[in-house]
Amino acid sequence: MKTVACVIDDGFAPFEFGLACEAFGLDRSDDGVPNFDFRVVAPQPGAVRSKLGFSVNVEHDLSFAHTADLVVFCPLPRQKWAHIDQRLIELARAAVARGAWVLSVCSGSFVLAAAGVLDGRRATTHWMYAHTMASMYPQIDVDPDVLFVQDGRIITSAGTAAGIDACLHLLRIELGAELTNRIARRMVVPPQRDGGQAQYIDRPLPAAPSDSLAAVAEWAVENLRDELSVEELAVRAHMSPRTFARRFKSEFGATPASWLTRQRLIQAQRMLERTDLGLERIAQECGFGSAAVLRQNFARVLGTTPTAYRARFSCTTGMHEADAVAELTPA
C-alpha cells in the first residue's frame, strides 16, 4: 500500500477526518515508517465545509482516488445518507472492483452501503446509526456492537475513536506489528484494541483510580507465557472470578480470555518480526503452548500463517525451514 486518498464532502466530521490524516498522512520516516502518498480529495475541489462550520481547501478531485491503494470515506451528515453523491458511489464501486483497500469511518459506511458493495457482507457503523443502516439496507449484516469489521478488503468502523482502531488494524496488516506499534505510540493510543471489542461500554471509566484493573492487565502482559486463568487474575484483583470477569469486560470492552489471546498474538507478531526463534519457542513464550495452537489463532484472527507473516515482516535474515515445512504439512 503506497497511495491513500481521503474522501470528504460538505458536512464532513473534522475529528474522523483528522484521524485519517494522522494515521496515513504524517511523515514518520524518522521512526523508520514508510510514508504514503496521501491526498485529501473531494467530488468538487475548493472549499469543503465541515459540520462545525469551518471549511478546508481541497486541491484534488476524485481522480487520484480512482487509482489509490486505499480509499478512506469520512463521515457524512445524516441529511445526505439517502442522497449520496453519485460520484462517490461510483468511486466506491470502482475501488472494490479493482481490489483496492476501502475503509469507512462512522457514517462514511453509508456511502459503501449506497454503492451496494456491502450487500451480503457484515459491516458496522456508529451504534446510534446501526438501526438506520439496517432499515435502509436490509441486505447488509449490520453489527452494532463492534469497533470495526473487516470483510475482504473492506473495513467499516464505528464512530469517532473506533476509526483509529480500524486504521491501526489496516496498518498492522500492511506494515506489521512493530511499525504499527511505533505509529500508535506516536499517536499516544493503545495498539491492542481489536475489532471484536464493544462499541459501547457500560462503564467506560473506573469509578475511582484505585478500582482500575490496569495494574492487573499490565501484570498479565508481562506474564503471557503463563496460563493466566480468570481465577488467578481475580485473586490478584482481590475479586471473585465472576465479579472480575464482569468488571474486566466493563473496563476493557472484552472478556479476559479474548483480551489475553489478542495480547499473545501481538507479542507473537513482535517476536516473528524481531527474532529467529522457532515457532514452538515463540508459542511457549507467548502462552499458546504449542506451534499448532499459535497457527490456529494466527489463521483465525490474522488470516495468515506465522511463517508467511515472518517472511513478509521479519527484520532478521534467518528463516526456519522446519517451520515452513510444518505449516505445509497437514495436521
Protein backbone atom coordinates (compact mmCIF):
# COMPACT_ATOMS: atom_id res chain seq x y z
CA MET A 1 0.00 0.00 0.00
CA LYS A 2 1.63 3.23 -1.18
CA THR A 3 -1.15 5.67 -2.10
CA VAL A 4 -4.01 6.80 0.14
CA ALA A 5 -6.99 9.00 -0.79
CA CYS A 6 -9.07 10.52 2.00
CA VAL A 7 -12.53 11.45 0.67
CA ILE A 8 -14.52 14.28 2.21
CA ASP A 9 -17.66 16.14 1.16
CA ASP A 10 -19.67 19.04 2.57
CA GLY A 11 -20.70 18.34 6.14
CA PHE A 12 -17.74 16.07 6.90
CA ALA A 13 -16.78 15.34 10.53
CA PRO A 14 -13.48 17.05 11.45
CA PHE A 15 -12.35 14.56 14.08
CA GLU A 16 -12.70 11.49 11.88
CA PHE A 17 -11.09 13.38 9.00
CA GLY A 18 -8.22 14.30 11.29
CA LEU A 19 -7.60 10.75 12.47
CA ALA A 20 -7.29 9.54 8.86
CA CYS A 21 -4.75 12.30 8.23
CA GLU A 22 -2.92 11.34 11.43
CA ALA A 23 -2.83 7.63 10.61
CA PHE A 24 -1.82 7.83 6.95
CA GLY A 25 -0.69 11.36 6.18
CA LEU A 26 2.10 12.23 8.62
CA ASP A 27 5.80 11.87 7.83
CA ARG A 28 7.12 9.26 10.27
CA SER A 29 10.25 8.35 8.33
CA ASP A 30 12.38 9.30 11.36
CA ASP A 31 10.76 6.30 13.10
CA GLY A 32 11.52 4.02 10.16
CA VAL A 33 7.90 4.07 8.99
CA PRO A 34 7.44 4.38 5.21
CA ASN A 35 5.45 7.38 4.04
CA PHE A 36 2.28 7.14 1.97
CA ASP A 37 1.37 9.38 -0.92
CA PHE A 38 -1.60 10.82 0.97
CA ARG A 39 -4.07 13.24 -0.57
CA VAL A 40 -7.38 14.71 0.50
CA VAL A 41 -9.92 14.58 -2.31
CA ALA A 42 -13.50 15.75 -2.84
CA PRO A 43 -16.15 15.49 -5.57
CA GLN A 44 -15.75 19.23 -6.06
CA PRO A 45 -12.31 20.71 -5.22
CA GLY A 46 -12.15 24.00 -3.37
CA ALA A 47 -13.65 24.97 -0.02
CA VAL A 48 -15.36 21.97 1.59
CA ARG A 49 -17.41 22.89 4.64
CA SER A 50 -17.29 20.80 7.80
CA LYS A 51 -20.27 20.09 10.04
CA LEU A 52 -18.81 22.55 12.53
CA GLY A 53 -19.00 25.46 10.11
CA PHE A 54 -15.38 25.91 9.07
CA SER A 55 -14.03 24.87 5.68
CA VAL A 56 -10.88 23.23 4.38
CA ASN A 57 -9.43 23.91 0.95
CA VAL A 58 -9.22 20.68 -1.05
CA GLU A 59 -6.93 20.76 -4.09
CA HIS A 60 -7.76 17.37 -5.63
CA ASP A 61 -10.86 15.93 -7.27
CA LEU A 62 -11.62 12.19 -7.19
CA SER A 63 -9.18 11.27 -9.99
CA PHE A 64 -6.40 10.32 -7.58
CA ALA A 65 -8.82 8.20 -5.54
CA HIS A 66 -9.64 6.11 -8.61
CA THR A 67 -6.05 4.82 -8.63
CA ALA A 68 -5.23 4.85 -4.89
CA ASP A 69 -4.31 1.69 -2.99
CA LEU A 70 -6.55 2.78 -0.11
CA VAL A 71 -9.69 4.92 -0.25
CA VAL A 72 -10.93 6.29 3.09
CA PHE A 73 -14.51 7.56 3.27
CA CYS A 74 -15.08 10.09 6.05
CA PRO A 75 -18.48 10.54 7.74
CA LEU A 76 -21.33 12.32 6.03
CA PRO A 77 -24.20 14.20 7.75
CA ARG A 78 -27.50 12.42 8.22
CA GLN A 79 -29.31 14.52 5.60
CA LYS A 80 -27.04 13.10 2.90
CA TRP A 81 -27.45 9.41 3.70
CA ALA A 82 -30.38 8.95 1.34
CA HIS A 83 -28.86 11.20 -1.33
CA ILE A 84 -25.22 10.12 -1.70
CA ASP A 85 -23.31 11.92 -4.47
CA GLN A 86 -23.27 9.58 -7.48
CA ARG A 87 -19.57 10.31 -7.94
CA LEU A 88 -18.84 8.86 -4.51
CA ILE A 89 -20.95 5.80 -5.26
CA GLU A 90 -19.06 5.17 -8.49
CA LEU A 91 -15.75 5.66 -6.68
CA ALA A 92 -16.65 3.08 -4.03
CA ARG A 93 -17.75 0.54 -6.63
CA ALA A 94 -14.64 1.05 -8.73
CA ALA A 95 -12.30 0.78 -5.73
CA VAL A 96 -13.83 -2.52 -4.62
CA ALA A 97 -13.89 -3.86 -8.18
CA ARG A 98 -10.17 -3.25 -8.69
CA GLY A 99 -9.23 -4.76 -5.32
CA ALA A 100 -8.16 -1.60 -3.51
CA TRP A 101 -8.49 -1.30 0.25
CA VAL A 102 -11.63 0.60 1.22
CA LEU A 103 -12.11 1.96 4.74
CA SER A 104 -15.09 3.89 6.06
CA VAL A 105 -15.21 5.72 9.38
CA CYS A 106 -18.51 6.10 11.24
CA SER A 107 -21.29 7.17 8.83
CA GLY A 108 -18.90 7.00 5.88
CA SER A 109 -20.23 3.45 5.66
CA PHE A 110 -23.44 4.83 4.19
CA VAL A 111 -21.50 5.64 1.00
CA LEU A 112 -20.45 2.00 0.74
CA ALA A 113 -23.98 0.85 1.53
CA ALA A 114 -25.46 3.09 -1.18
CA ALA A 115 -22.88 1.75 -3.64
CA GLY A 116 -24.03 -1.81 -2.95
CA VAL A 117 -20.54 -3.04 -2.10
CA LEU A 118 -21.66 -4.11 1.39
CA ASP A 119 -24.53 -6.28 0.14
CA GLY A 120 -24.26 -9.74 1.64
CA ARG A 121 -21.39 -8.62 3.86
CA ARG A 122 -21.01 -7.97 7.56
CA ALA A 123 -20.37 -4.31 8.36
CA THR A 124 -20.66 -1.76 11.15
CA THR A 125 -21.17 1.93 11.77
CA HIS A 126 -21.72 4.09 14.84
CA TRP A 127 -24.08 2.25 17.19
CA MET A 128 -26.50 5.21 17.08
CA TYR A 129 -26.85 4.79 13.29
CA ALA A 130 -26.80 1.00 13.05
CA HIS A 131 -30.59 0.60 13.16
CA THR A 132 -30.99 3.20 10.41
CA MET A 133 -28.49 1.41 8.20
CA ALA A 134 -30.12 -1.96 8.81
CA SER A 135 -33.52 -0.49 7.91
CA MET A 136 -32.29 1.26 4.78
CA TYR A 137 -30.15 -1.68 3.62
CA PRO A 138 -31.56 -4.99 4.93
CA GLN A 139 -29.19 -6.91 2.66
CA ILE A 140 -26.27 -5.83 4.88
CA ASP A 141 -25.44 -7.75 8.05
CA VAL A 142 -25.05 -4.71 10.32
CA ASP A 143 -23.24 -5.43 13.59
CA PRO A 144 -23.82 -2.55 16.03
CA ASP A 145 -21.66 -3.95 18.81
CA VAL A 146 -18.11 -3.95 17.44
CA LEU A 147 -15.37 -1.37 16.85
CA PHE A 148 -14.75 -2.35 13.25
CA VAL A 149 -15.34 -5.12 10.75
CA GLN A 150 -13.04 -6.36 8.01
CA ASP A 151 -14.75 -8.26 5.21
CA GLY A 152 -12.27 -8.97 2.46
CA ARG A 153 -10.56 -5.68 1.63
CA ILE A 154 -13.41 -3.57 3.00
CA ILE A 155 -13.14 -2.21 6.54
CA THR A 156 -16.04 -0.41 8.20
CA SER A 157 -15.61 1.19 11.61
CA ALA A 158 -17.79 2.56 14.35
CA GLY A 159 -17.76 6.20 15.38
CA THR A 160 -15.03 8.57 16.46
CA ALA A 161 -12.10 6.80 18.18
CA ALA A 162 -13.03 3.40 16.70
CA GLY A 163 -11.73 4.80 13.42
CA ILE A 164 -8.27 4.88 14.98
CA ASP A 165 -8.56 1.17 15.78
CA ALA A 166 -9.62 0.41 12.20
CA CYS A 167 -6.72 2.42 10.77
CA LEU A 168 -4.20 0.72 13.05
CA HIS A 169 -5.67 -2.68 12.11
CA LEU A 170 -5.07 -1.97 8.43
CA LEU A 171 -1.60 -0.57 9.11
CA ARG A 172 -0.75 -3.73 11.04
CA ILE A 173 -1.76 -5.82 8.01
CA GLU A 174 0.33 -3.68 5.65
CA LEU A 175 3.32 -2.71 7.83
CA GLY A 176 3.46 -5.35 10.54
CA ALA A 177 3.11 -5.12 14.32
CA GLU A 178 6.39 -3.38 15.12
CA LEU A 179 5.98 -0.39 12.82
CA THR A 180 2.30 -0.08 13.68
CA ASN A 181 3.12 -0.01 17.38
CA ARG A 182 5.54 2.84 16.69
CA ILE A 183 2.73 4.73 14.98
CA ALA A 184 0.40 4.01 17.91
CA ARG A 185 3.00 5.28 20.36
CA ARG A 186 3.36 8.50 18.36
CA MET A 187 -0.43 8.86 18.36
CA VAL A 188 -0.43 8.11 22.12
CA VAL A 189 -3.09 5.44 21.74
CA PRO A 190 -3.09 1.74 22.71
CA PRO A 191 -2.37 -0.58 19.77
CA GLN A 192 -4.16 -3.54 21.35
CA ARG A 193 -7.90 -2.98 20.72
CA ASP A 194 -9.25 -5.37 18.12
CA GLY A 195 -12.45 -5.14 16.13
CA GLY A 196 -14.46 -7.52 18.28
CA GLN A 197 -14.45 -5.24 21.30
CA ALA A 198 -17.64 -3.45 22.24
CA GLN A 199 -18.52 -0.04 20.83
CA TYR A 200 -20.49 0.95 23.88
CA ILE A 201 -19.09 0.08 27.29
CA ASP A 202 -21.48 0.46 30.21
CA ARG A 203 -18.81 1.89 32.48
CA PRO A 204 -16.12 3.37 30.22
CA LEU A 205 -14.11 4.75 33.14
CA PRO A 206 -13.49 3.16 36.54
CA ALA A 207 -15.41 4.69 39.43
CA ALA A 208 -12.09 5.64 41.03
CA PRO A 209 -8.44 5.20 40.02
CA SER A 210 -7.94 2.62 42.75
CA ASP A 211 -10.68 0.48 41.20
CA SER A 212 -8.99 0.21 37.81
CA LEU A 213 -7.81 -3.18 36.62
CA ALA A 214 -4.97 -1.61 34.62
CA ALA A 215 -2.33 -2.90 37.04
CA VAL A 216 -3.63 -6.46 36.69
CA ALA A 217 -3.69 -6.14 32.90
CA GLU A 218 -0.14 -4.80 32.90
CA TRP A 219 0.99 -7.72 35.04
CA ALA A 220 -0.74 -10.15 32.67
CA VAL A 221 1.08 -8.69 29.65
CA GLU A 222 4.38 -9.20 31.47
CA ASN A 223 3.50 -12.84 32.18
CA LEU A 224 1.86 -14.00 28.96
CA ARG A 225 3.86 -17.24 28.89
CA ASP A 226 1.88 -18.48 31.94
CA GLU A 227 -1.63 -19.93 31.75
CA LEU A 228 -3.28 -16.91 33.41
CA SER A 229 -6.70 -18.21 34.30
CA VAL A 230 -9.53 -15.89 35.22
CA GLU A 231 -9.32 -17.28 38.73
CA GLU A 232 -5.65 -16.29 39.06
CA LEU A 233 -6.25 -12.81 37.69
CA ALA A 234 -9.23 -12.41 40.00
CA VAL A 235 -7.08 -13.25 43.02
CA ARG A 236 -4.61 -10.53 42.03
CA ALA A 237 -7.51 -8.09 41.72
CA HIS A 238 -8.94 -9.22 45.10
CA MET A 239 -12.25 -10.14 43.50
CA SER A 240 -14.33 -13.20 42.87
CA PRO A 241 -13.86 -14.65 39.36
CA ARG A 242 -17.40 -13.67 38.38
CA THR A 243 -17.02 -10.08 39.57
CA PHE A 244 -13.59 -9.81 37.97
CA ALA A 245 -14.83 -11.05 34.57
CA ARG A 246 -17.74 -8.59 34.65
CA ARG A 247 -15.55 -5.67 35.72
CA PHE A 248 -12.84 -6.55 33.21
CA LYS A 249 -15.27 -6.54 30.29
CA SER A 250 -16.76 -3.27 31.51
CA GLU A 251 -13.34 -1.61 31.68
CA PHE A 252 -11.63 -3.16 28.64
CA GLY A 253 -14.57 -3.98 26.39
CA ALA A 254 -13.59 -7.63 26.02
CA THR A 255 -13.60 -10.82 28.06
CA PRO A 256 -10.34 -11.67 29.84
CA ALA A 257 -9.85 -14.68 27.55
CA SER A 258 -10.27 -12.78 24.27
CA TRP A 259 -8.16 -9.89 25.54
CA LEU A 260 -5.35 -12.25 26.56
CA THR A 261 -5.45 -14.01 23.19
CA ARG A 262 -5.05 -10.68 21.43
CA GLN A 263 -2.10 -9.69 23.65
CA ARG A 264 -0.44 -13.03 22.93
CA LEU A 265 -0.90 -12.57 19.20
CA ILE A 266 0.63 -9.10 19.34
CA GLN A 267 3.60 -10.49 21.26
CA ALA A 268 3.95 -13.32 18.72
CA GLN A 269 3.91 -10.81 15.87
CA ARG A 270 6.72 -8.85 17.53
CA MET A 271 8.80 -11.97 18.08
CA LEU A 272 8.28 -13.12 14.48
CA GLU A 273 9.48 -9.72 13.29
CA ARG A 274 12.42 -9.28 15.65
CA THR A 275 13.80 -12.79 16.27
CA ASP A 276 14.77 -16.01 14.54
CA LEU A 277 13.22 -18.17 17.26
CA GLY A 278 11.30 -21.21 16.09
CA LEU A 279 7.53 -21.35 16.25
CA GLU A 280 7.46 -23.78 19.15
CA ARG A 281 9.61 -21.44 21.26
CA ILE A 282 7.55 -18.39 20.29
CA ALA A 283 4.33 -20.25 21.09
CA GLN A 284 5.67 -21.11 24.55
CA GLU A 285 6.92 -17.59 25.25
CA CYS A 286 3.56 -16.10 24.27
CA GLY A 287 1.47 -18.57 26.23
CA PHE A 288 -0.01 -20.55 23.33
CA GLY A 289 1.69 -23.74 24.47
CA SER A 290 2.38 -25.19 21.03
CA ALA A 291 3.06 -24.10 17.47
CA ALA A 292 -0.20 -25.74 16.37
CA VAL A 293 -2.25 -23.54 18.71
CA LEU A 294 -0.28 -20.48 17.59
CA ARG A 295 -1.04 -21.29 13.93
CA GLN A 296 -4.74 -21.78 14.66
CA ASN A 297 -5.04 -18.39 16.36
CA PHE A 298 -2.97 -16.67 13.66
CA ALA A 299 -5.24 -18.06 10.95
CA ARG A 300 -8.44 -17.23 12.83
CA VAL A 301 -7.57 -13.65 13.76
CA LEU A 302 -5.00 -12.50 11.19
CA GLY A 303 -5.92 -14.65 8.22
CA THR A 304 -2.37 -15.86 7.58
CA THR A 305 0.27 -18.22 8.98
CA PRO A 306 3.14 -17.30 11.31
CA THR A 307 5.69 -18.28 8.66
CA ALA A 308 4.03 -16.17 5.98
CA TYR A 309 3.89 -13.26 8.41
CA ARG A 310 7.58 -13.66 9.25
CA ALA A 311 8.55 -13.85 5.58
CA ARG A 312 6.86 -10.51 4.98
CA PHE A 313 7.75 -8.55 8.10
CA SER A 314 10.90 -10.09 9.59
CA CYS A 315 13.67 -7.65 10.47
CA THR A 316 16.16 -10.54 10.58
CA THR A 317 17.74 -12.54 7.79
CA GLY A 318 17.19 -16.06 9.08
CA MET A 319 14.23 -18.28 8.25
CA HIS A 320 13.26 -21.57 9.82
CA GLU A 321 12.77 -24.10 7.07
CA ALA A 322 11.38 -26.61 9.54
CA ASP A 323 8.62 -24.18 10.49
CA ALA A 324 7.72 -23.60 6.86
CA VAL A 325 7.60 -27.32 6.19
CA ALA A 326 5.48 -27.88 9.29
CA GLU A 327 2.90 -25.34 8.12
CA LEU A 328 2.64 -27.09 4.78
CA THR A 329 2.21 -30.50 6.39
CA PRO A 330 -1.40 -31.48 7.15
CA ALA A 331 -2.08 -32.00 10.85
